[in-house]
Amino acid sequence: MDAAGYSGTPLAKKLGIKEAARIRLVNPLEHYFDLFNGLPEGIKWLKDRKSKKDMIHYFGVSLKALEKDIATLKLEIEPSGMIWVSWPKELPELPRTFQSS
């Protein structure tokens, strides 16, 4: 599968990543940047937890960790920003209502 996936829409567009966005990745996949076929210009990849971000892409390792982390993630995000939460398809502790088929 190419970086656009089966829909043909580039991943950056699906995620709402815009030019000059301030983004933080939490627990990213090793091959995260390989998933994209180009990214908008001027993105700032931030690691700090204090500055405001337009987007946080959080990769869950457990439901317990997400429940613990979400409150502090909300403090980092701009009012118009977004938090994307991604997780392995087979995360055993993920409630059935959040599992995709």
N, C-alpha and C. Protein backbone atom coordinates (compact mmCIF):
# COMPACT_ATOMS: atom_id res chain seq x y z
N MET A 1 0.85 -1.17 0.00
CA MET A 1 0.00 0.00 0.00
C MET A 1 0.89 1.23 0.00
N ASP A 2 0.52 2.23 -0.82
CA ASP A 2 1.33 3.44 -0.85
C ASP A 2 0.94 4.37 0.29
N ALA A 3 1.65 5.48 0.39
CA ALA A 3 1.46 6.39 1.51
C ALA A 3 0.06 7.01 1.55
N ALA A 4 -0.64 6.99 0.42
CA ALA A 4 -1.99 7.56 0.41
C ALA A 4 -3.02 6.55 0.91
N GLY A 5 -2.64 5.29 0.98
CA GLY A 5 -3.59 4.27 1.42
C GLY A 5 -4.57 3.94 0.32
N TYR A 6 -5.58 3.19 0.65
CA TYR A 6 -6.51 2.72 -0.36
C TYR A 6 -7.42 3.83 -0.91
N SER A 7 -7.60 4.92 -0.20
CA SER A 7 -8.53 5.97 -0.66
C SER A 7 -7.89 6.90 -1.68
N GLY A 8 -6.58 6.92 -1.75
CA GLY A 8 -5.90 7.83 -2.66
C GLY A 8 -5.64 9.21 -2.05
N THR A 9 -6.20 9.49 -0.88
CA THR A 9 -5.99 10.77 -0.22
C THR A 9 -4.68 10.72 0.56
N PRO A 10 -3.79 11.69 0.34
CA PRO A 10 -2.52 11.69 1.08
C PRO A 10 -2.76 11.71 2.59
N LEU A 11 -1.92 11.00 3.32
CA LEU A 11 -2.07 10.88 4.76
C LEU A 11 -2.05 12.23 5.47
N ALA A 12 -1.18 13.13 5.04
CA ALA A 12 -1.12 14.45 5.68
C ALA A 12 -2.47 15.16 5.58
N LYS A 13 -3.12 15.02 4.46
CA LYS A 13 -4.44 15.65 4.28
C LYS A 13 -5.48 14.96 5.16
N LYS A 14 -5.43 13.63 5.24
CA LYS A 14 -6.37 12.88 6.09
C LYS A 14 -6.25 13.33 7.54
N LEU A 15 -5.02 13.56 7.98
CA LEU A 15 -4.77 13.95 9.37
C LEU A 15 -5.00 15.45 9.61
N GLY A 16 -5.19 16.21 8.56
CA GLY A 16 -5.41 17.65 8.71
C GLY A 16 -4.14 18.43 8.96
N ILE A 17 -3.00 17.88 8.55
CA ILE A 17 -1.72 18.57 8.74
C ILE A 17 -1.59 19.70 7.72
N LYS A 18 -1.38 20.89 8.23
CA LYS A 18 -1.31 22.07 7.37
C LYS A 18 0.08 22.69 7.42
N GLU A 19 0.34 23.54 6.45
CA GLU A 19 1.61 24.25 6.36
C GLU A 19 1.88 25.00 7.66
N ALA A 20 3.11 24.96 8.12
CA ALA A 20 3.60 25.65 9.32
C ALA A 20 2.95 25.15 10.62
N ALA A 21 2.36 23.97 10.60
CA ALA A 21 1.74 23.42 11.81
C ALA A 21 2.82 23.12 12.85
N ARG A 22 2.42 23.24 14.11
CA ARG A 22 3.29 22.87 15.23
C ARG A 22 2.76 21.53 15.75
N ILE A 23 3.60 20.51 15.64
CA ILE A 23 3.16 19.14 15.90
C ILE A 23 4.09 18.44 16.88
N ARG A 24 3.49 17.67 17.77
CA ARG A 24 4.27 16.79 18.65
C ARG A 24 3.81 15.37 18.44
N LEU A 25 4.77 14.47 18.36
CA LEU A 25 4.50 13.04 18.26
C LEU A 25 4.77 12.40 19.61
N VAL A 26 3.89 11.52 20.03
CA VAL A 26 4.06 10.79 21.28
C VAL A 26 4.08 9.31 20.97
N ASN A 27 5.16 8.64 21.31
CA ASN A 27 5.35 7.21 21.04
C ASN A 27 5.21 6.87 19.55
N PRO A 28 5.82 7.66 18.67
CA PRO A 28 5.59 7.42 17.23
C PRO A 28 6.20 6.10 16.75
N LEU A 29 5.63 5.61 15.68
CA LEU A 29 6.17 4.43 15.01
C LEU A 29 7.55 4.78 14.46
N GLU A 30 8.44 3.80 14.42
CA GLU A 30 9.79 4.05 13.88
C GLU A 30 9.72 4.52 12.43
N HIS A 31 8.77 4.02 11.70
CA HIS A 31 8.66 4.34 10.28
C HIS A 31 7.60 5.42 10.00
N TYR A 32 7.29 6.24 10.99
CA TYR A 32 6.23 7.25 10.89
C TYR A 32 6.36 8.09 9.62
N PHE A 33 7.52 8.66 9.40
CA PHE A 33 7.68 9.58 8.27
C PHE A 33 7.66 8.86 6.92
N ASP A 34 7.89 7.56 6.92
CA ASP A 34 7.80 6.78 5.69
C ASP A 34 6.35 6.62 5.25
N LEU A 35 5.40 6.86 6.13
CA LEU A 35 3.98 6.71 5.81
C LEU A 35 3.45 7.86 4.95
N PHE A 36 4.22 8.94 4.86
CA PHE A 36 3.79 10.13 4.13
C PHE A 36 4.44 10.20 2.77
N ASN A 37 3.67 10.70 1.83
CA ASN A 37 4.19 10.98 0.49
C ASN A 37 4.20 12.50 0.38
N GLY A 38 5.12 13.11 1.10
CA GLY A 38 5.21 14.56 1.15
C GLY A 38 4.43 15.12 2.32
N LEU A 39 4.97 16.17 2.88
CA LEU A 39 4.33 16.88 4.00
C LEU A 39 4.30 18.36 3.66
N PRO A 40 3.33 19.09 4.16
CA PRO A 40 3.31 20.54 3.92
C PRO A 40 4.60 21.19 4.43
N GLU A 41 4.93 22.32 3.87
CA GLU A 41 6.17 23.02 4.24
C GLU A 41 6.05 23.71 5.59
N GLY A 42 7.20 23.87 6.22
CA GLY A 42 7.30 24.68 7.41
C GLY A 42 6.78 24.06 8.69
N ILE A 43 6.57 22.75 8.70
CA ILE A 43 6.08 22.11 9.92
C ILE A 43 7.16 22.17 10.99
N LYS A 44 6.74 22.47 12.21
CA LYS A 44 7.66 22.47 13.35
C LYS A 44 7.34 21.24 14.18
N TRP A 45 8.31 20.35 14.30
CA TRP A 45 8.15 19.13 15.08
C TRP A 45 8.66 19.42 16.48
N LEU A 46 7.77 19.52 17.42
CA LEU A 46 8.11 19.91 18.78
C LEU A 46 8.18 18.70 19.71
N LYS A 47 9.08 18.78 20.67
CA LYS A 47 9.21 17.71 21.66
C LYS A 47 8.82 18.18 23.06
N ASP A 48 8.80 19.49 23.26
CA ASP A 48 8.50 20.00 24.59
C ASP A 48 7.02 19.81 24.92
N ARG A 49 6.71 19.91 26.19
CA ARG A 49 5.34 19.73 26.65
C ARG A 49 4.69 21.04 27.08
N LYS A 50 5.41 22.14 26.90
CA LYS A 50 4.90 23.42 27.39
C LYS A 50 4.32 24.31 26.30
N SER A 51 4.91 24.30 25.12
CA SER A 51 4.41 25.19 24.07
C SER A 51 3.12 24.63 23.46
N LYS A 52 2.31 25.53 22.94
CA LYS A 52 1.04 25.14 22.34
C LYS A 52 1.28 24.52 20.96
N LYS A 53 0.47 23.52 20.65
CA LYS A 53 0.59 22.82 19.38
C LYS A 53 -0.73 22.88 18.61
N ASP A 54 -0.61 22.72 17.31
CA ASP A 54 -1.78 22.62 16.45
C ASP A 54 -2.27 21.17 16.39
N MET A 55 -1.34 20.26 16.59
CA MET A 55 -1.69 18.84 16.52
C MET A 55 -0.75 18.03 17.39
N ILE A 56 -1.31 17.04 18.04
CA ILE A 56 -0.53 16.02 18.73
C ILE A 56 -0.98 14.69 18.17
N HIS A 57 -0.04 13.90 17.70
CA HIS A 57 -0.37 12.55 17.24
C HIS A 57 0.17 11.58 18.29
N TYR A 58 -0.77 10.98 19.00
CA TYR A 58 -0.46 10.11 20.14
C TYR A 58 -0.65 8.66 19.71
N PHE A 59 0.38 7.87 19.92
CA PHE A 59 0.30 6.44 19.61
C PHE A 59 0.20 5.69 20.92
N GLY A 60 -0.97 5.13 21.15
CA GLY A 60 -1.25 4.45 22.40
C GLY A 60 -0.50 3.14 22.54
N VAL A 61 -0.04 2.91 23.74
CA VAL A 61 0.58 1.63 24.07
C VAL A 61 -0.32 0.84 25.00
N SER A 62 -1.24 1.56 25.66
CA SER A 62 -2.24 0.90 26.50
C SER A 62 -3.35 1.90 26.79
N LEU A 63 -4.51 1.39 27.10
CA LEU A 63 -5.62 2.26 27.46
C LEU A 63 -5.32 3.00 28.75
N LYS A 64 -4.67 2.34 29.68
CA LYS A 64 -4.32 2.96 30.96
C LYS A 64 -3.40 4.17 30.73
N ALA A 65 -2.42 4.02 29.84
CA ALA A 65 -1.51 5.13 29.54
C ALA A 65 -2.26 6.30 28.90
N LEU A 66 -3.17 6.00 27.98
CA LEU A 66 -3.96 7.06 27.34
C LEU A 66 -4.80 7.80 28.37
N GLU A 67 -5.46 7.07 29.25
CA GLU A 67 -6.27 7.70 30.28
C GLU A 67 -5.43 8.62 31.17
N LYS A 68 -4.20 8.22 31.44
CA LYS A 68 -3.29 9.01 32.26
C LYS A 68 -2.80 10.25 31.50
N ASP A 69 -2.50 10.09 30.23
CA ASP A 69 -1.86 11.15 29.45
C ASP A 69 -2.82 12.19 28.86
N ILE A 70 -4.06 11.84 28.63
CA ILE A 70 -4.94 12.71 27.86
C ILE A 70 -5.15 14.08 28.51
N ALA A 71 -5.23 14.14 29.80
CA ALA A 71 -5.44 15.43 30.47
C ALA A 71 -4.29 16.40 30.22
N THR A 72 -3.06 15.92 30.28
CA THR A 72 -1.92 16.81 30.04
C THR A 72 -1.78 17.14 28.55
N LEU A 73 -2.17 16.21 27.68
CA LEU A 73 -2.13 16.51 26.24
C LEU A 73 -3.08 17.66 25.92
N LYS A 74 -4.24 17.67 26.55
CA LYS A 74 -5.22 18.74 26.31
C LYS A 74 -4.65 20.11 26.67
N LEU A 75 -3.76 20.18 27.65
CA LEU A 75 -3.16 21.45 28.04
C LEU A 75 -2.20 21.98 26.99
N GLU A 76 -1.68 21.10 26.15
CA GLU A 76 -0.70 21.49 25.14
C GLU A 76 -1.33 21.96 23.83
N ILE A 77 -2.58 21.68 23.63
CA ILE A 77 -3.20 21.89 22.32
C ILE A 77 -3.87 23.26 22.22
N GLU A 78 -3.75 23.88 21.08
CA GLU A 78 -4.45 25.14 20.81
C GLU A 78 -5.95 24.88 20.81
N PRO A 79 -6.78 25.89 21.10
CA PRO A 79 -8.23 25.69 21.09
C PRO A 79 -8.74 25.13 19.76
N SER A 80 -8.11 25.50 18.67
CA SER A 80 -8.53 24.99 17.36
C SER A 80 -7.72 23.78 16.92
N GLY A 81 -6.88 23.27 17.83
CA GLY A 81 -6.01 22.15 17.50
C GLY A 81 -6.70 20.81 17.63
N MET A 82 -5.93 19.75 17.42
CA MET A 82 -6.48 18.41 17.48
C MET A 82 -5.48 17.42 18.06
N ILE A 83 -6.03 16.40 18.68
CA ILE A 83 -5.24 15.29 19.18
C ILE A 83 -5.71 14.05 18.44
N TRP A 84 -4.80 13.47 17.67
CA TRP A 84 -5.09 12.21 17.00
C TRP A 84 -4.57 11.10 17.89
N VAL A 85 -5.38 10.10 18.12
CA VAL A 85 -4.97 8.94 18.90
C VAL A 85 -4.99 7.73 17.98
N SER A 86 -3.84 7.08 17.87
CA SER A 86 -3.72 5.87 17.06
C SER A 86 -3.26 4.74 17.97
N TRP A 87 -3.63 3.53 17.63
CA TRP A 87 -3.25 2.38 18.44
C TRP A 87 -3.16 1.16 17.56
N PRO A 88 -2.43 0.13 18.02
CA PRO A 88 -2.38 -1.12 17.26
C PRO A 88 -3.78 -1.71 17.15
N LYS A 89 -4.11 -2.28 16.02
CA LYS A 89 -5.44 -2.85 15.80
C LYS A 89 -5.82 -3.88 16.85
N GLU A 90 -4.88 -4.60 17.35
CA GLU A 90 -5.17 -5.70 18.26
C GLU A 90 -4.82 -5.40 19.71
N LEU A 91 -4.90 -4.15 20.11
CA LEU A 91 -4.61 -3.81 21.49
C LEU A 91 -5.66 -4.48 22.38
N PRO A 92 -5.27 -5.48 23.18
CA PRO A 92 -6.25 -6.29 23.90
C PRO A 92 -7.09 -5.53 24.92
N GLU A 93 -6.57 -4.46 25.51
CA GLU A 93 -7.34 -3.78 26.54
C GLU A 93 -8.20 -2.65 26.00
N LEU A 94 -8.21 -2.46 24.69
CA LEU A 94 -9.03 -1.42 24.10
C LEU A 94 -10.50 -1.86 24.14
N PRO A 95 -11.36 -1.02 24.68
CA PRO A 95 -12.78 -1.41 24.73
C PRO A 95 -13.32 -1.72 23.35
N ARG A 96 -14.19 -2.68 23.27
CA ARG A 96 -14.71 -3.15 21.99
C ARG A 96 -15.30 -2.00 21.17
N THR A 97 -15.88 -1.00 21.82
CA THR A 97 -16.49 0.10 21.09
C THR A 97 -15.47 0.93 20.31
N PHE A 98 -14.21 0.85 20.68
CA PHE A 98 -13.16 1.59 19.97
C PHE A 98 -12.43 0.73 18.96
N GLN A 99 -12.65 -0.55 18.96
CA GLN A 99 -11.95 -1.42 18.02
C GLN A 99 -12.59 -1.33 16.65
N SER A 100 -11.74 -1.28 15.63
CA SER A 100 -12.27 -1.26 14.27
C SER A 100 -12.36 -2.69 13.76
N SER A 101 -13.26 -2.90 12.83
CA SER A 101 -13.40 -4.25 12.28
C SER A 101 -12.64 -4.39 10.99
